[in-house]
Amino acid sequence: MKLIRQLGLLALILFVSEGAVQLFSLPIPANVLGMVLLFVLLCTGVVKEDDIRETADFFYQNMAFFLVPVTCGLLVEAGQLGGSALAFILIALVSTVAVYLVTGRAVLLLQKLPRKGARR
């Protein structure tokens, strides 16, 4: 029952973000807005980490399973890339490296922030 409630909470956040994107004609995908909304809710304490922990762990542990359809779709449609295949691969590699670097730097910066209740 707890997993269903957690999944329902995540689905509600996605539903709200989808509605906001449609209502306000926002130029960003609803799933990205949903992640930002979830981040804000977690930071403000409206949603606690324990409220989504098990469902988030499940998705994290099975991430490869959820990426298989996307990969297969890319392989099926590879012929449509034509002469752009090399550019597509290069962009994918460069953007992946950029995400790794930015994420690593963000983690290092966040680790330097003082924690609540920590002694100095």
PDB file of N, CA and C in Angstrom:
ATOM      1  N   MET A   1       0.829  -1.202   0.000  1.00  0.00           N
ATOM      2  CA  MET A   1       0.000   0.000   0.000  1.00  0.00           C
ATOM      3  C   MET A   1       0.869   1.259   0.000  1.00  0.00           C
ATOM      4  N   LYS A   2       1.991   1.185   0.723  1.00  0.00           N
ATOM      5  CA  LYS A   2       2.876   2.336   0.807  1.00  0.00           C
ATOM      6  C   LYS A   2       3.447   2.686  -0.570  1.00  0.00           C
ATOM      7  N   LEU A   3       3.819   1.660  -1.347  1.00  0.00           N
ATOM      8  CA  LEU A   3       4.368   1.900  -2.681  1.00  0.00           C
ATOM      9  C   LEU A   3       3.334   2.547  -3.598  1.00  0.00           C
ATOM     10  N   ILE A   4       2.089   2.130  -3.476  1.00  0.00           N
ATOM     11  CA  ILE A   4       1.024   2.708  -4.306  1.00  0.00           C
ATOM     12  C   ILE A   4       0.832   4.179  -3.955  1.00  0.00           C
ATOM     13  N   ARG A   5       0.871   4.498  -2.660  1.00  0.00           N
ATOM     14  CA  ARG A   5       0.730   5.889  -2.233  1.00  0.00           C
ATOM     15  C   ARG A   5       1.901   6.737  -2.746  1.00  0.00           C
ATOM     16  N   GLN A   6       3.113   6.180  -2.668  1.00  0.00           N
ATOM     17  CA  GLN A   6       4.287   6.909  -3.145  1.00  0.00           C
ATOM     18  C   GLN A   6       4.238   7.112  -4.649  1.00  0.00           C
ATOM     19  N   LEU A   7       3.857   6.072  -5.374  1.00  0.00           N
ATOM     20  CA  LEU A   7       3.733   6.177  -6.821  1.00  0.00           C
ATOM     21  C   LEU A   7       2.630   7.168  -7.190  1.00  0.00           C
ATOM     22  N   GLY A   8       1.553   7.173  -6.424  1.00  0.00           N
ATOM     23  CA  GLY A   8       0.471   8.133  -6.647  1.00  0.00           C
ATOM     24  C   GLY A   8       0.934   9.570  -6.441  1.00  0.00           C
ATOM     25  N   LEU A   9       1.775   9.789  -5.436  1.00  0.00           N
ATOM     26  CA  LEU A   9       2.307  11.125  -5.188  1.00  0.00           C
ATOM     27  C   LEU A   9       3.171  11.589  -6.360  1.00  0.00           C
ATOM     28  N   LEU A  10       4.043  10.699  -6.843  1.00  0.00           N
ATOM     29  CA  LEU A  10       4.887  11.045  -7.991  1.00  0.00           C
ATOM     30  C   LEU A  10       4.043  11.272  -9.242  1.00  0.00           C
ATOM     31  N   ALA A  11       3.005  10.461  -9.420  1.00  0.00           N
ATOM     32  CA  ALA A  11       2.108  10.630 -10.571  1.00  0.00           C
ATOM     33  C   ALA A  11       1.344  11.951 -10.473  1.00  0.00           C
ATOM     34  N   LEU A  12       0.944  12.327  -9.264  1.00  0.00           N
ATOM     35  CA  LEU A  12       0.247  13.600  -9.063  1.00  0.00           C
ATOM     36  C   LEU A  12       1.154  14.775  -9.435  1.00  0.00           C
ATOM     37  N   ILE A  13       2.420  14.705  -9.035  1.00  0.00           N
ATOM     38  CA  ILE A  13       3.370  15.769  -9.380  1.00  0.00           C
ATOM     39  C   ILE A  13       3.536  15.854 -10.898  1.00  0.00           C
ATOM     40  N   LEU A  14       3.638  14.704 -11.558  1.00  0.00           N
ATOM     41  CA  LEU A  14       3.752  14.700 -13.015  1.00  0.00           C
ATOM     42  C   LEU A  14       2.470  15.236 -13.660  1.00  0.00           C
ATOM     43  N   PHE A  15       1.313  14.872 -13.115  1.00  0.00           N
ATOM     44  CA  PHE A  15       0.033  15.352 -13.643  1.00  0.00           C
ATOM     45  C   PHE A  15      -0.072  16.874 -13.522  1.00  0.00           C
ATOM     46  N   VAL A  16       0.342  17.407 -12.372  1.00  0.00           N
ATOM     47  CA  VAL A  16       0.306  18.863 -12.164  1.00  0.00           C
ATOM     48  C   VAL A  16       1.258  19.560 -13.133  1.00  0.00           C
ATOM     49  N   SER A  17       2.445  18.997 -13.306  1.00  0.00           N
ATOM     50  CA  SER A  17       3.402  19.627 -14.223  1.00  0.00           C
ATOM     51  C   SER A  17       2.917  19.541 -15.672  1.00  0.00           C
ATOM     52  N   GLU A  18       2.288  18.432 -16.032  1.00  0.00           N
ATOM     53  CA  GLU A  18       1.721  18.303 -17.386  1.00  0.00           C
ATOM     54  C   GLU A  18       0.628  19.351 -17.596  1.00  0.00           C
ATOM     55  N   GLY A  19      -0.209  19.525 -16.598  1.00  0.00           N
ATOM     56  CA  GLY A  19      -1.256  20.543 -16.686  1.00  0.00           C
ATOM     57  C   GLY A  19      -0.693  21.948 -16.796  1.00  0.00           C
ATOM     58  N   ALA A  20       0.366  22.229 -16.038  1.00  0.00           N
ATOM     59  CA  ALA A  20       0.985  23.559 -16.086  1.00  0.00           C
ATOM     60  C   ALA A  20       1.594  23.829 -17.455  1.00  0.00           C
ATOM     61  N   VAL A  21       2.238  22.822 -18.028  1.00  0.00           N
ATOM     62  CA  VAL A  21       2.846  22.988 -19.359  1.00  0.00           C
ATOM     63  C   VAL A  21       1.766  23.264 -20.395  1.00  0.00           C
ATOM     64  N   GLN A  22       0.665  22.516 -20.328  1.00  0.00           N
ATOM     65  CA  GLN A  22      -0.433  22.709 -21.285  1.00  0.00           C
ATOM     66  C   GLN A  22      -1.145  24.045 -21.063  1.00  0.00           C
ATOM     67  N   LEU A  23      -1.415  24.373 -19.805  1.00  0.00           N
ATOM     68  CA  LEU A  23      -2.173  25.575 -19.476  1.00  0.00           C
ATOM     69  C   LEU A  23      -1.422  26.851 -19.817  1.00  0.00           C
ATOM     70  N   PHE A  24      -0.126  26.874 -19.504  1.00  0.00           N
ATOM     71  CA  PHE A  24       0.668  28.083 -19.707  1.00  0.00           C
ATOM     72  C   PHE A  24       1.543  28.035 -20.963  1.00  0.00           C
ATOM     73  N   SER A  25       1.404  26.985 -21.762  1.00  0.00           N
ATOM     74  CA  SER A  25       2.198  26.812 -22.994  1.00  0.00           C
ATOM     75  C   SER A  25       3.693  26.991 -22.714  1.00  0.00           C
ATOM     76  N   LEU A  26       4.173  26.311 -21.676  1.00  0.00           N
ATOM     77  CA  LEU A  26       5.583  26.426 -21.290  1.00  0.00           C
ATOM     78  C   LEU A  26       6.464  25.696 -22.299  1.00  0.00           C
ATOM     79  N   PRO A  27       7.651  26.236 -22.567  1.00  0.00           N
ATOM     80  CA  PRO A  27       8.532  25.629 -23.574  1.00  0.00           C
ATOM     81  C   PRO A  27       9.445  24.538 -23.020  1.00  0.00           C
ATOM     82  N   ILE A  28       9.066  23.933 -21.905  1.00  0.00           N
ATOM     83  CA  ILE A  28       9.878  22.854 -21.340  1.00  0.00           C
ATOM     84  C   ILE A  28       9.024  21.605 -21.199  1.00  0.00           C
ATOM     85  N   PRO A  29       9.645  20.421 -21.259  1.00  0.00           N
ATOM     86  CA  PRO A  29       8.868  19.183 -21.108  1.00  0.00           C
ATOM     87  C   PRO A  29       8.271  19.068 -19.707  1.00  0.00           C
ATOM     88  N   ALA A  30       7.123  18.435 -19.628  1.00  0.00           N
ATOM     89  CA  ALA A  30       6.432  18.284 -18.349  1.00  0.00           C
ATOM     90  C   ALA A  30       7.251  17.458 -17.361  1.00  0.00           C
ATOM     91  N   ASN A  31       7.998  16.454 -17.840  1.00  0.00           N
ATOM     92  CA  ASN A  31       8.772  15.650 -16.901  1.00  0.00           C
ATOM     93  C   ASN A  31       9.903  16.465 -16.274  1.00  0.00           C
ATOM     94  N   VAL A  32      10.470  17.411 -17.013  1.00  0.00           N
ATOM     95  CA  VAL A  32      11.510  18.274 -16.450  1.00  0.00           C
ATOM     96  C   VAL A  32      10.885  19.213 -15.420  1.00  0.00           C
ATOM     97  N   LEU A  33       9.750  19.793 -15.743  1.00  0.00           N
ATOM     98  CA  LEU A  33       9.050  20.652 -14.790  1.00  0.00           C
ATOM     99  C   LEU A  33       8.655  19.853 -13.552  1.00  0.00           C
ATOM    100  N   GLY A  34       8.256  18.601 -13.743  1.00  0.00           N
ATOM    101  CA  GLY A  34       7.904  17.750 -12.613  1.00  0.00           C
ATOM    102  C   GLY A  34       9.090  17.489 -11.699  1.00  0.00           C
ATOM    103  N   MET A  35      10.268  17.292 -12.275  1.00  0.00           N
ATOM    104  CA  MET A  35      11.466  17.094 -11.450  1.00  0.00           C
ATOM    105  C   MET A  35      11.806  18.358 -10.671  1.00  0.00           C
ATOM    106  N   VAL A  36      11.642  19.519 -11.312  1.00  0.00           N
ATOM    107  CA  VAL A  36      11.887  20.788 -10.617  1.00  0.00           C
ATOM    108  C   VAL A  36      10.871  20.961  -9.494  1.00  0.00           C
ATOM    109  N   LEU A  37       9.619  20.657  -9.777  1.00  0.00           N
ATOM    110  CA  LEU A  37       8.573  20.757  -8.756  1.00  0.00           C
ATOM    111  C   LEU A  37       8.854  19.813  -7.590  1.00  0.00           C
ATOM    112  N   LEU A  38       9.248  18.579  -7.886  1.00  0.00           N
ATOM    113  CA  LEU A  38       9.585  17.625  -6.824  1.00  0.00           C
ATOM    114  C   LEU A  38      10.764  18.121  -6.015  1.00  0.00           C
ATOM    115  N   PHE A  39      11.766  18.678  -6.672  1.00  0.00           N
ATOM    116  CA  PHE A  39      12.930  19.231  -5.972  1.00  0.00           C
ATOM    117  C   PHE A  39      12.511  20.338  -5.015  1.00  0.00           C
ATOM    118  N   VAL A  40      11.658  21.246  -5.486  1.00  0.00           N
ATOM    119  CA  VAL A  40      11.186  22.347  -4.637  1.00  0.00           C
ATOM    120  C   VAL A  40      10.385  21.799  -3.456  1.00  0.00           C
ATOM    121  N   LEU A  41       9.524  20.825  -3.715  1.00  0.00           N
ATOM    122  CA  LEU A  41       8.725  20.239  -2.630  1.00  0.00           C
ATOM    123  C   LEU A  41       9.604  19.536  -1.601  1.00  0.00           C
ATOM    124  N   LEU A  42      10.661  18.879  -2.057  1.00  0.00           N
ATOM    125  CA  LEU A  42      11.585  18.226  -1.130  1.00  0.00           C
ATOM    126  C   LEU A  42      12.386  19.254  -0.323  1.00  0.00           C
ATOM    127  N   CYS A  43      12.832  20.316  -0.977  1.00  0.00           N
ATOM    128  CA  CYS A  43      13.624  21.351  -0.297  1.00  0.00           C
ATOM    129  C   CYS A  43      12.803  22.114   0.736  1.00  0.00           C
ATOM    130  N   THR A  44      11.531  22.324   0.441  1.00  0.00           N
ATOM    131  CA  THR A  44      10.678  23.071   1.370  1.00  0.00           C
ATOM    132  C   THR A  44      10.098  22.190   2.467  1.00  0.00           C
ATOM    133  N   GLY A  45      10.253  20.889   2.335  1.00  0.00           N
ATOM    134  CA  GLY A  45       9.746  19.975   3.355  1.00  0.00           C
ATOM    135  C   GLY A  45       8.287  19.593   3.176  1.00  0.00           C
ATOM    136  N   VAL A  46       7.653  20.066   2.116  1.00  0.00           N
ATOM    137  CA  VAL A  46       6.264  19.690   1.860  1.00  0.00           C
ATOM    138  C   VAL A  46       6.194  18.184   1.614  1.00  0.00           C
ATOM    139  N   VAL A  47       7.156  17.673   0.848  1.00  0.00           N
ATOM    140  CA  VAL A  47       7.297  16.233   0.627  1.00  0.00           C
ATOM    141  C   VAL A  47       8.577  15.806   1.332  1.00  0.00           C
ATOM    142  N   LYS A  48       8.479  14.802   2.148  1.00  0.00           N
ATOM    143  CA  LYS A  48       9.656  14.278   2.858  1.00  0.00           C
ATOM    144  C   LYS A  48      10.299  13.177   2.019  1.00  0.00           C
ATOM    145  N   GLU A  49      11.592  12.991   2.223  1.00  0.00           N
ATOM    146  CA  GLU A  49      12.315  11.956   1.485  1.00  0.00           C
ATOM    147  C   GLU A  49      11.686  10.584   1.716  1.00  0.00           C
ATOM    148  N   ASP A  50      11.254  10.327   2.937  1.00  0.00           N
ATOM    149  CA  ASP A  50      10.640   9.038   3.261  1.00  0.00           C
ATOM    150  C   ASP A  50       9.309   8.831   2.523  1.00  0.00           C
ATOM    151  N   ASP A  51       8.686   9.934   2.060  1.00  0.00           N
ATOM    152  CA  ASP A  51       7.416   9.835   1.350  1.00  0.00           C
ATOM    153  C   ASP A  51       7.563   9.204  -0.028  1.00  0.00           C
ATOM    154  N   ILE A  52       8.793   9.178  -0.568  1.00  0.00           N
ATOM    155  CA  ILE A  52       8.996   8.642  -1.923  1.00  0.00           C
ATOM    156  C   ILE A  52      10.174   7.669  -2.001  1.00  0.00           C
ATOM    157  N   ARG A  53      10.789   7.346  -0.877  1.00  0.00           N
ATOM    158  CA  ARG A  53      12.036   6.577  -0.876  1.00  0.00           C
ATOM    159  C   ARG A  53      11.934   5.224  -1.591  1.00  0.00           C
ATOM    160  N   GLU A  54      10.977   4.388  -1.244  1.00  0.00           N
ATOM    161  CA  GLU A  54      10.903   3.045  -1.816  1.00  0.00           C
ATOM    162  C   GLU A  54      10.642   3.071  -3.328  1.00  0.00           C
ATOM    163  N   THR A  55       9.738   3.940  -3.757  1.00  0.00           N
ATOM    164  CA  THR A  55       9.436   4.029  -5.183  1.00  0.00           C
ATOM    165  C   THR A  55      10.621   4.586  -5.954  1.00  0.00           C
ATOM    166  N   ALA A  56      11.287   5.593  -5.399  1.00  0.00           N
ATOM    167  CA  ALA A  56      12.470   6.156  -6.054  1.00  0.00           C
ATOM    168  C   ALA A  56      13.579   5.105  -6.145  1.00  0.00           C
ATOM    169  N   ASP A  57      13.771   4.332  -5.081  1.00  0.00           N
ATOM    170  CA  ASP A  57      14.774   3.258  -5.107  1.00  0.00           C
ATOM    171  C   ASP A  57      14.437   2.218  -6.173  1.00  0.00           C
ATOM    172  N   PHE A  58      13.158   1.878  -6.292  1.00  0.00           N
ATOM    173  CA  PHE A  58      12.745   0.912  -7.314  1.00  0.00           C
ATOM    174  C   PHE A  58      13.088   1.421  -8.709  1.00  0.00           C
ATOM    175  N   PHE A  59      12.729   2.676  -8.999  1.00  0.00           N
ATOM    176  CA  PHE A  59      13.024   3.237 -10.318  1.00  0.00           C
ATOM    177  C   PHE A  59      14.527   3.313 -10.561  1.00  0.00           C
ATOM    178  N   TYR A  60      15.268   3.680  -9.540  1.00  0.00           N
ATOM    179  CA  TYR A  60      16.723   3.782  -9.685  1.00  0.00           C
ATOM    180  C   TYR A  60      17.342   2.419  -9.968  1.00  0.00           C
ATOM    181  N   GLN A  61      16.904   1.398  -9.247  1.00  0.00           N
ATOM    182  CA  GLN A  61      17.469   0.057  -9.407  1.00  0.00           C
ATOM    183  C   GLN A  61      17.076  -0.567 -10.749  1.00  0.00           C
ATOM    184  N   ASN A  62      16.002  -0.121 -11.350  1.00  0.00           N
ATOM    185  CA  ASN A  62      15.530  -0.678 -12.617  1.00  0.00           C
ATOM    186  C   ASN A  62      15.624   0.308 -13.762  1.00  0.00           C
ATOM    187  N   MET A  63      16.510   1.281 -13.649  1.00  0.00           N
ATOM    188  CA  MET A  63      16.631   2.328 -14.655  1.00  0.00           C
ATOM    189  C   MET A  63      16.948   1.762 -16.043  1.00  0.00           C
ATOM    190  N   ALA A  64      17.829   0.781 -16.108  1.00  0.00           N
ATOM    191  CA  ALA A  64      18.207   0.209 -17.404  1.00  0.00           C
ATOM    192  C   ALA A  64      16.988  -0.388 -18.105  1.00  0.00           C
ATOM    193  N   PHE A  65      16.110  -1.021 -17.351  1.00  0.00           N
ATOM    194  CA  PHE A  65      14.897  -1.612 -17.922  1.00  0.00           C
ATOM    195  C   PHE A  65      14.022  -0.549 -18.582  1.00  0.00           C
ATOM    196  N   PHE A  66      13.945   0.631 -17.970  1.00  0.00           N
ATOM    197  CA  PHE A  66      13.108   1.692 -18.520  1.00  0.00           C
ATOM    198  C   PHE A  66      13.759   2.376 -19.717  1.00  0.00           C
ATOM    199  N   LEU A  67      15.069   2.247 -19.878  1.00  0.00           N
ATOM    200  CA  LEU A  67      15.759   2.873 -21.002  1.00  0.00           C
ATOM    201  C   LEU A  67      15.830   1.973 -22.232  1.00  0.00           C
ATOM    202  N   VAL A  68      15.503   0.689 -22.098  1.00  0.00           N
ATOM    203  CA  VAL A  68      15.563  -0.232 -23.234  1.00  0.00           C
ATOM    204  C   VAL A  68      14.639   0.201 -24.371  1.00  0.00           C
ATOM    205  N   PRO A  69      13.381   0.570 -24.125  1.00  0.00           N
ATOM    206  CA  PRO A  69      12.518   0.988 -25.245  1.00  0.00           C
ATOM    207  C   PRO A  69      13.055   2.200 -26.005  1.00  0.00           C
ATOM    208  N   VAL A  70      13.652   3.141 -25.294  1.00  0.00           N
ATOM    209  CA  VAL A  70      14.214   4.323 -25.951  1.00  0.00           C
ATOM    210  C   VAL A  70      15.368   3.909 -26.856  1.00  0.00           C
ATOM    211  N   THR A  71      16.230   3.055 -26.349  1.00  0.00           N
ATOM    212  CA  THR A  71      17.373   2.592 -27.136  1.00  0.00           C
ATOM    213  C   THR A  71      16.904   1.823 -28.364  1.00  0.00           C
ATOM    214  N   CYS A  72      15.935   0.946 -28.190  1.00  0.00           N
ATOM    215  CA  CYS A  72      15.402   0.192 -29.338  1.00  0.00           C
ATOM    216  C   CYS A  72      14.762   1.124 -30.356  1.00  0.00           C
ATOM    217  N   GLY A  73      14.064   2.136 -29.888  1.00  0.00           N
ATOM    218  CA  GLY A  73      13.462   3.104 -30.794  1.00  0.00           C
ATOM    219  C   GLY A  73      14.505   3.852 -31.603  1.00  0.00           C
ATOM    220  N   LEU A  74      15.611   4.199 -30.961  1.00  0.00           N
ATOM    221  CA  LEU A  74      16.696   4.861 -31.687  1.00  0.00           C
ATOM    222  C   LEU A  74      17.298   3.942 -32.737  1.00  0.00           C
ATOM    223  N   LEU A  75      17.454   2.673 -32.393  1.00  0.00           N
ATOM    224  CA  LEU A  75      18.020   1.728 -33.357  1.00  0.00           C
ATOM    225  C   LEU A  75      17.083   1.516 -34.548  1.00  0.00           C
ATOM    226  N   VAL A  76      15.793   1.457 -34.287  1.00  0.00           N
ATOM    227  CA  VAL A  76      14.815   1.259 -35.359  1.00  0.00           C
ATOM    228  C   VAL A  76      14.804   2.463 -36.305  1.00  0.00           C
ATOM    229  N   GLU A  77      14.911   3.656 -35.745  1.00  0.00           N
ATOM    230  CA  GLU A  77      14.828   4.879 -36.550  1.00  0.00           C
ATOM    231  C   GLU A  77      16.190   5.386 -37.001  1.00  0.00           C
ATOM    232  N   ALA A  78      17.251   4.605 -36.804  1.00  0.00           N
ATOM    233  CA  ALA A  78      18.606   5.049 -37.167  1.00  0.00           C
ATOM    234  C   ALA A  78      18.720   5.391 -38.643  1.00  0.00           C
ATOM    235  N   GLY A  79      17.980   4.709 -39.487  1.00  0.00           N
ATOM    236  CA  GLY A  79      18.029   4.975 -40.919  1.00  0.00           C
ATOM    237  C   GLY A  79      17.579   6.379 -41.278  1.00  0.00           C
ATOM    238  N   GLN A  80      16.697   6.953 -40.479  1.00  0.00           N
ATOM    239  CA  GLN A  80      16.209   8.301 -40.754  1.00  0.00           C
ATOM    240  C   GLN A  80      17.241   9.368 -40.423  1.00  0.00           C
ATOM    241  N   LEU A  81      18.236   8.998 -39.627  1.00  0.00           N
ATOM    242  CA  LEU A  81      19.285   9.966 -39.308  1.00  0.00           C
ATOM    243  C   LEU A  81      20.128  10.282 -40.536  1.00  0.00           C
ATOM    244  N   GLY A  82      20.307   9.294 -41.402  1.00  0.00           N
ATOM    245  CA  GLY A  82      21.055   9.495 -42.640  1.00  0.00           C
ATOM    246  C   GLY A  82      22.437  10.055 -42.401  1.00  0.00           C
ATOM    247  N   GLY A  83      22.754  11.160 -43.051  1.00  0.00           N
ATOM    248  CA  GLY A  83      24.064  11.784 -42.935  1.00  0.00           C
ATOM    249  C   GLY A  83      24.285  12.484 -41.611  1.00  0.00           C
ATOM    250  N   SER A  84      23.249  12.597 -40.801  1.00  0.00           N
ATOM    251  CA  SER A  84      23.366  13.282 -39.513  1.00  0.00           C
ATOM    252  C   SER A  84      23.779  12.338 -38.390  1.00  0.00           C
ATOM    253  N   ALA A  85      23.979  11.071 -38.692  1.00  0.00           N
ATOM    254  CA  ALA A  85      24.285  10.089 -37.648  1.00  0.00           C
ATOM    255  C   ALA A  85      25.552  10.455 -36.890  1.00  0.00           C
ATOM    256  N   LEU A  86      26.593  10.867 -37.588  1.00  0.00           N
ATOM    257  CA  LEU A  86      27.848  11.213 -36.929  1.00  0.00           C
ATOM    258  C   LEU A  86      27.661  12.431 -36.024  1.00  0.00           C
ATOM    259  N   ALA A  87      26.945  13.423 -36.510  1.00  0.00           N
ATOM    260  CA  ALA A  87      26.679  14.611 -35.690  1.00  0.00           C
ATOM    261  C   ALA A  87      25.847  14.236 -34.464  1.00  0.00           C
ATOM    262  N   PHE A  88      24.865  13.366 -34.649  1.00  0.00           N
ATOM    263  CA  PHE A  88      24.032  12.921 -33.537  1.00  0.00           C
ATOM    264  C   PHE A  88      24.873  12.221 -32.467  1.00  0.00           C
ATOM    265  N   ILE A  89      25.750  11.332 -32.896  1.00  0.00           N
ATOM    266  CA  ILE A  89      26.617  10.602 -31.957  1.00  0.00           C
ATOM    267  C   ILE A  89      27.559  11.567 -31.246  1.00  0.00           C
ATOM    268  N   LEU A  90      28.133  12.501 -31.980  1.00  0.00           N
ATOM    269  CA  LEU A  90      29.039  13.476 -31.384  1.00  0.00           C
ATOM    270  C   LEU A  90      28.321  14.339 -30.349  1.00  0.00           C
ATOM    271  N   ILE A  91      27.130  14.803 -30.687  1.00  0.00           N
ATOM    272  CA  ILE A  91      26.344  15.611 -29.748  1.00  0.00           C
ATOM    273  C   ILE A  91      26.001  14.793 -28.508  1.00  0.00           C
ATOM    274  N   ALA A  92      25.625  13.534 -28.685  1.00  0.00           N
ATOM    275  CA  ALA A  92      25.294  12.676 -27.551  1.00  0.00           C
ATOM    276  C   ALA A  92      26.506  12.487 -26.636  1.00  0.00           C
ATOM    277  N   LEU A  93      27.672  12.264 -27.220  1.00  0.00           N
ATOM    278  CA  LEU A  93      28.885  12.076 -26.415  1.00  0.00           C
ATOM    279  C   LEU A  93      29.275  13.355 -25.675  1.00  0.00           C
ATOM    280  N   VAL A  94      29.267  14.479 -26.387  1.00  0.00           N
ATOM    281  CA  VAL A  94      29.647  15.746 -25.762  1.00  0.00           C
ATOM    282  C   VAL A  94      28.672  16.119 -24.654  1.00  0.00           C
ATOM    283  N   SER A  95      27.372  15.955 -24.903  1.00  0.00           N
ATOM    284  CA  SER A  95      26.390  16.313 -23.880  1.00  0.00           C
ATOM    285  C   SER A  95      26.479  15.378 -22.680  1.00  0.00           C
ATOM    286  N   THR A  96      26.798  14.110 -22.901  1.00  0.00           N
ATOM    287  CA  THR A  96      26.960  13.175 -21.784  1.00  0.00           C
ATOM    288  C   THR A  96      28.138  13.579 -20.914  1.00  0.00           C
ATOM    289  N   VAL A  97      29.247  13.894 -21.536  1.00  0.00           N
ATOM    290  CA  VAL A  97      30.430  14.340 -20.779  1.00  0.00           C
ATOM    291  C   VAL A  97      30.115  15.634 -20.030  1.00  0.00           C
ATOM    292  N   ALA A  98      29.409  16.556 -20.678  1.00  0.00           N
ATOM    293  CA  ALA A  98      29.050  17.816 -20.018  1.00  0.00           C
ATOM    294  C   ALA A  98      28.167  17.562 -18.798  1.00  0.00           C
ATOM    295  N   VAL A  99      27.210  16.650 -18.925  1.00  0.00           N
ATOM    296  CA  VAL A  99      26.336  16.329 -17.788  1.00  0.00           C
ATOM    297  C   VAL A  99      27.144  15.721 -16.649  1.00  0.00           C
ATOM    298  N   TYR A 100      28.065  14.823 -16.961  1.00  0.00           N
ATOM    299  CA  TYR A 100      28.925  14.241 -15.929  1.00  0.00           C
ATOM    300  C   TYR A 100      29.722  15.321 -15.204  1.00  0.00           C
ATOM    301  N   LEU A 101      30.321  16.225 -15.963  1.00  0.00           N
ATOM    302  CA  LEU A 101      31.151  17.266 -15.362  1.00  0.00           C
ATOM    303  C   LEU A 101      30.329  18.224 -14.498  1.00  0.00           C
ATOM    304  N   VAL A 102      29.192  18.655 -15.021  1.00  0.00           N
ATOM    305  CA  VAL A 102      28.343  19.586 -14.268  1.00  0.00           C
ATOM    306  C   VAL A 102      27.792  18.912 -13.009  1.00  0.00           C
ATOM    307  N   THR A 103      27.373  17.669 -13.134  1.00  0.00           N
ATOM    308  CA  THR A 103      26.855  16.943 -11.973  1.00  0.00           C
ATOM    309  C   THR A 103      27.938  16.765 -10.919  1.00  0.00           C
ATOM    310  N   GLY A 104      29.128  16.382 -11.361  1.00  0.00           N
ATOM    311  CA  GLY A 104      30.244  16.219 -10.418  1.00  0.00           C
ATOM    312  C   GLY A 104      30.569  17.511  -9.704  1.00  0.00           C
ATOM    313  N   ARG A 105      30.606  18.614 -10.428  1.00  0.00           N
ATOM    314  CA  ARG A 105      30.898  19.920  -9.821  1.00  0.00           C
ATOM    315  C   ARG A 105      29.784  20.309  -8.845  1.00  0.00           C
ATOM    316  N   ALA A 106      28.544  20.066  -9.211  1.00  0.00           N
ATOM    317  CA  ALA A 106      27.420  20.394  -8.329  1.00  0.00           C
ATOM    318  C   ALA A 106      27.491  19.583  -7.037  1.00  0.00           C
ATOM    319  N   VAL A 107      27.838  18.307  -7.140  1.00  0.00           N
ATOM    320  CA  VAL A 107      27.964  17.469  -5.940  1.00  0.00           C
ATOM    321  C   VAL A 107      29.077  17.997  -5.044  1.00  0.00           C
ATOM    322  N   LEU A 108      30.208  18.353  -5.628  1.00  0.00           N
ATOM    323  CA  LEU A 108      31.310  18.894  -4.833  1.00  0.00           C
ATOM    324  C   LEU A 108      30.908  20.192  -4.135  1.00  0.00           C
ATOM    325  N   LEU A 109      30.203  21.058  -4.842  1.00  0.00           N
ATOM    326  CA  LEU A 109      29.757  22.312  -4.233  1.00  0.00           C
ATOM    327  C   LEU A 109      28.743  22.066  -3.121  1.00  0.00           C
ATOM    328  N   LEU A 110      27.821  21.140  -3.343  1.00  0.00           N
ATOM    329  CA  LEU A 110      26.812  20.850  -2.318  1.00  0.00           C
ATOM    330  C   LEU A 110      27.421  20.198  -1.087  1.00  0.00           C
ATOM    331  N   GLN A 111      28.486  19.434  -1.264  1.00  0.00           N
ATOM    332  CA  GLN A 111      29.146  18.810  -0.119  1.00  0.00           C
ATOM    333  C   GLN A 111      29.822  19.847   0.767  1.00  0.00           C
ATOM    334  N   LYS A 112      30.171  20.995   0.214  1.00  0.00           N
ATOM    335  CA  LYS A 112      30.836  22.053   0.989  1.00  0.00           C
ATOM    336  C   LYS A 112      29.854  22.895   1.774  1.00  0.00           C
ATOM    337  N   LEU A 113      28.559  22.810   1.440  1.00  0.00           N
ATOM    338  CA  LEU A 113      27.554  23.588   2.151  1.00  0.00           C
ATOM    339  C   LEU A 113      27.406  23.072   3.571  1.00  0.00           C
ATOM    340  N   PRO A 114      27.212  23.989   4.507  1.00  0.00           N
ATOM    341  CA  PRO A 114      26.992  23.546   5.904  1.00  0.00           C
ATOM    342  C   PRO A 114      25.649  22.844   6.023  1.00  0.00           C
ATOM    343  N   ARG A 115      25.622  21.811   6.827  1.00  0.00           N
ATOM    344  CA  ARG A 115      24.373  21.061   7.031  1.00  0.00           C
ATOM    345  C   ARG A 115      23.628  21.598   8.235  1.00  0.00           C
ATOM    346  N   LYS A 116      22.318  21.459   8.204  1.00  0.00           N
ATOM    347  CA  LYS A 116      21.497  21.892   9.332  1.00  0.00           C
ATOM    348  C   LYS A 116      21.854  21.061  10.553  1.00  0.00           C
ATOM    349  N   GLY A 117      22.064  21.749  11.671  1.00  0.00           N
ATOM    350  CA  GLY A 117      22.338  21.054  12.921  1.00  0.00           C
ATOM    351  C   GLY A 117      23.759  20.558  13.054  1.00  0.00           C
ATOM    352  N   ALA A 118      24.600  20.820  12.061  1.00  0.00           N
ATOM    353  CA  ALA A 118      25.991  20.350  12.135  1.00  0.00           C
ATOM    354  C   ALA A 118      26.788  21.309  13.005  1.00  0.00           C
ATOM    355  N   ARG A 119      27.679  20.758  13.807  1.00  0.00           N
ATOM    356  CA  ARG A 119      28.548  21.570  14.666  1.00  0.00           C
ATOM    357  C   ARG A 119      29.682  22.131  13.850  1.00  0.00           C
ATOM    358  N   ARG A 120      30.104  23.299  14.234  1.00  0.00           N
ATOM    359  CA  ARG A 120      31.222  23.937  13.520  1.00  0.00           C
ATOM    360  C   ARG A 120      32.446  23.913  14.378  1.00  0.00           C
TER     361      ARG A 120
END
